[in-house]
Amino acid sequence: MHAKLGDHLIVESPTTGATKRDGEIIGLHHSDGTPPYDVRWSDTNRVTLVYPGPDAHVHHPEHNPKPGHLR
């Protein structure tokens, strides 16, 4: 897993019906973008140190096409 500042960490829920969590990566501890990350969670606005597990993935917002844009 590799991230850059501004990417989003998405943690999928381990149970059916529970909500996933997401937050902005605001701090990196390794220059190569590997965990752990400082994440500001969207649901609480709190910042925590996160060692992502297998239920997490990084979303790189700049890699998504704009609505209506075809590649």
C-alpha atoms as a PDB file:
ATOM      1  CA  MET A   1       0.000   0.000   0.000  1.00  0.00           C
ATOM      2  CA  HIS A   2       1.330   3.421  -1.006  1.00  0.00           C
ATOM      3  CA  ALA A   3      -0.220   6.851  -0.473  1.00  0.00           C
ATOM      4  CA  LYS A   4       0.426  10.532  -0.960  1.00  0.00           C
ATOM      5  CA  LEU A   5      -0.764  13.455   1.113  1.00  0.00           C
ATOM      6  CA  GLY A   6      -4.375  14.216   0.217  1.00  0.00           C
ATOM      7  CA  ASP A   7      -5.249  10.631  -0.704  1.00  0.00           C
ATOM      8  CA  HIS A   8      -8.143   9.017   1.120  1.00  0.00           C
ATOM      9  CA  LEU A   9      -7.976   5.898   3.240  1.00  0.00           C
ATOM     10  CA  ILE A  10     -11.121   3.778   2.973  1.00  0.00           C
ATOM     11  CA  VAL A  11     -11.715   1.096   5.592  1.00  0.00           C
ATOM     12  CA  GLU A  12     -14.439  -1.332   4.584  1.00  0.00           C
ATOM     13  CA  SER A  13     -16.702  -2.664   7.296  1.00  0.00           C
ATOM     14  CA  PRO A  14     -15.943  -6.204   8.447  1.00  0.00           C
ATOM     15  CA  THR A  15     -19.642  -6.845   9.125  1.00  0.00           C
ATOM     16  CA  THR A  16     -22.638  -6.682   6.825  1.00  0.00           C
ATOM     17  CA  GLY A  17     -24.765  -3.585   7.293  1.00  0.00           C
ATOM     18  CA  ALA A  18     -22.108  -1.553   9.096  1.00  0.00           C
ATOM     19  CA  THR A  19     -20.714   1.584   7.497  1.00  0.00           C
ATOM     20  CA  LYS A  20     -17.239   1.975   6.145  1.00  0.00           C
ATOM     21  CA  ARG A  21     -14.908   4.726   7.352  1.00  0.00           C
ATOM     22  CA  ASP A  22     -12.964   7.154   5.258  1.00  0.00           C
ATOM     23  CA  GLY A  23     -10.496   9.879   5.972  1.00  0.00           C
ATOM     24  CA  GLU A  24      -7.892  12.099   4.382  1.00  0.00           C
ATOM     25  CA  ILE A  25      -4.246  11.132   4.720  1.00  0.00           C
ATOM     26  CA  ILE A  26      -2.608  14.236   6.187  1.00  0.00           C
ATOM     27  CA  GLY A  27       0.681  12.766   7.359  1.00  0.00           C
ATOM     28  CA  LEU A  28       3.199  10.256   6.064  1.00  0.00           C
ATOM     29  CA  HIS A  29       5.856   8.606   8.226  1.00  0.00           C
ATOM     30  CA  HIS A  30       7.863   7.078   5.355  1.00  0.00           C
ATOM     31  CA  SER A  31       9.093   8.836   2.219  1.00  0.00           C
ATOM     32  CA  ASP A  32       7.957   5.921   0.025  1.00  0.00           C
ATOM     33  CA  GLY A  33       4.294   6.367   1.066  1.00  0.00           C
ATOM     34  CA  THR A  34       3.976   3.136   3.033  1.00  0.00           C
ATOM     35  CA  PRO A  35       2.044   2.970   6.336  1.00  0.00           C
ATOM     36  CA  PRO A  36       1.521   4.152   8.961  1.00  0.00           C
ATOM     37  CA  TYR A  37      -0.481   7.257   8.083  1.00  0.00           C
ATOM     38  CA  ASP A  38      -1.923  10.201   9.991  1.00  0.00           C
ATOM     39  CA  VAL A  39      -5.585  10.220   8.957  1.00  0.00           C
ATOM     40  CA  ARG A  40      -8.266  12.860   9.578  1.00  0.00           C
ATOM     41  CA  TRP A  41     -11.511  10.868   9.713  1.00  0.00           C
ATOM     42  CA  SER A  42     -14.510  12.383   7.938  1.00  0.00           C
ATOM     43  CA  ASP A  43     -17.008  11.217  10.576  1.00  0.00           C
ATOM     44  CA  THR A  44     -15.241  12.699  13.628  1.00  0.00           C
ATOM     45  CA  ASN A  45     -12.680  15.151  12.193  1.00  0.00           C
ATOM     46  CA  ARG A  46     -10.157  13.567  14.589  1.00  0.00           C
ATOM     47  CA  VAL A  47      -6.633  12.684  13.509  1.00  0.00           C
ATOM     48  CA  THR A  48      -5.242   9.269  14.378  1.00  0.00           C
ATOM     49  CA  LEU A  49      -2.173   7.214  13.525  1.00  0.00           C
ATOM     50  CA  VAL A  50      -3.334   4.310  11.345  1.00  0.00           C
ATOM     51  CA  TYR A  51      -1.677   1.039  10.411  1.00  0.00           C
ATOM     52  CA  PRO A  52      -4.165  -0.096   7.725  1.00  0.00           C
ATOM     53  CA  GLY A  53      -5.322  -3.693   7.766  1.00  0.00           C
ATOM     54  CA  PRO A  54      -6.422  -5.946   4.908  1.00  0.00           C
ATOM     55  CA  ASP A  55      -9.878  -4.312   4.866  1.00  0.00           C
ATOM     56  CA  ALA A  56      -8.405  -0.917   3.890  1.00  0.00           C
ATOM     57  CA  HIS A  57      -7.405   0.646   0.579  1.00  0.00           C
ATOM     58  CA  VAL A  58      -6.115   3.998  -0.622  1.00  0.00           C
ATOM     59  CA  HIS A  59      -8.172   6.129  -2.991  1.00  0.00           C
ATOM     60  CA  HIS A  60      -6.156   8.486  -5.198  1.00  0.00           C
ATOM     61  CA  PRO A  61      -8.674  11.220  -6.138  1.00  0.00           C
ATOM     62  CA  GLU A  62      -6.608  12.770  -8.955  1.00  0.00           C
ATOM     63  CA  HIS A  63      -6.651   9.488 -10.893  1.00  0.00           C
ATOM     64  CA  ASN A  64     -10.421   9.515 -11.399  1.00  0.00           C
ATOM     65  CA  PRO A  65     -11.844  11.087 -14.559  1.00  0.00           C
ATOM     66  CA  LYS A  66     -14.162  14.051 -14.149  1.00  0.00           C
ATOM     67  CA  PRO A  67     -17.889  13.325 -14.561  1.00  0.00           C
ATOM     68  CA  GLY A  68     -18.729  13.072 -18.232  1.00  0.00           C
ATOM     69  CA  HIS A  69     -15.085  12.600 -19.209  1.00  0.00           C
ATOM     70  CA  LEU A  70     -14.268   9.463 -21.152  1.00  0.00           C
ATOM     71  CA  ARG A  71     -10.812   7.958 -21.453  1.00  0.00           C
END
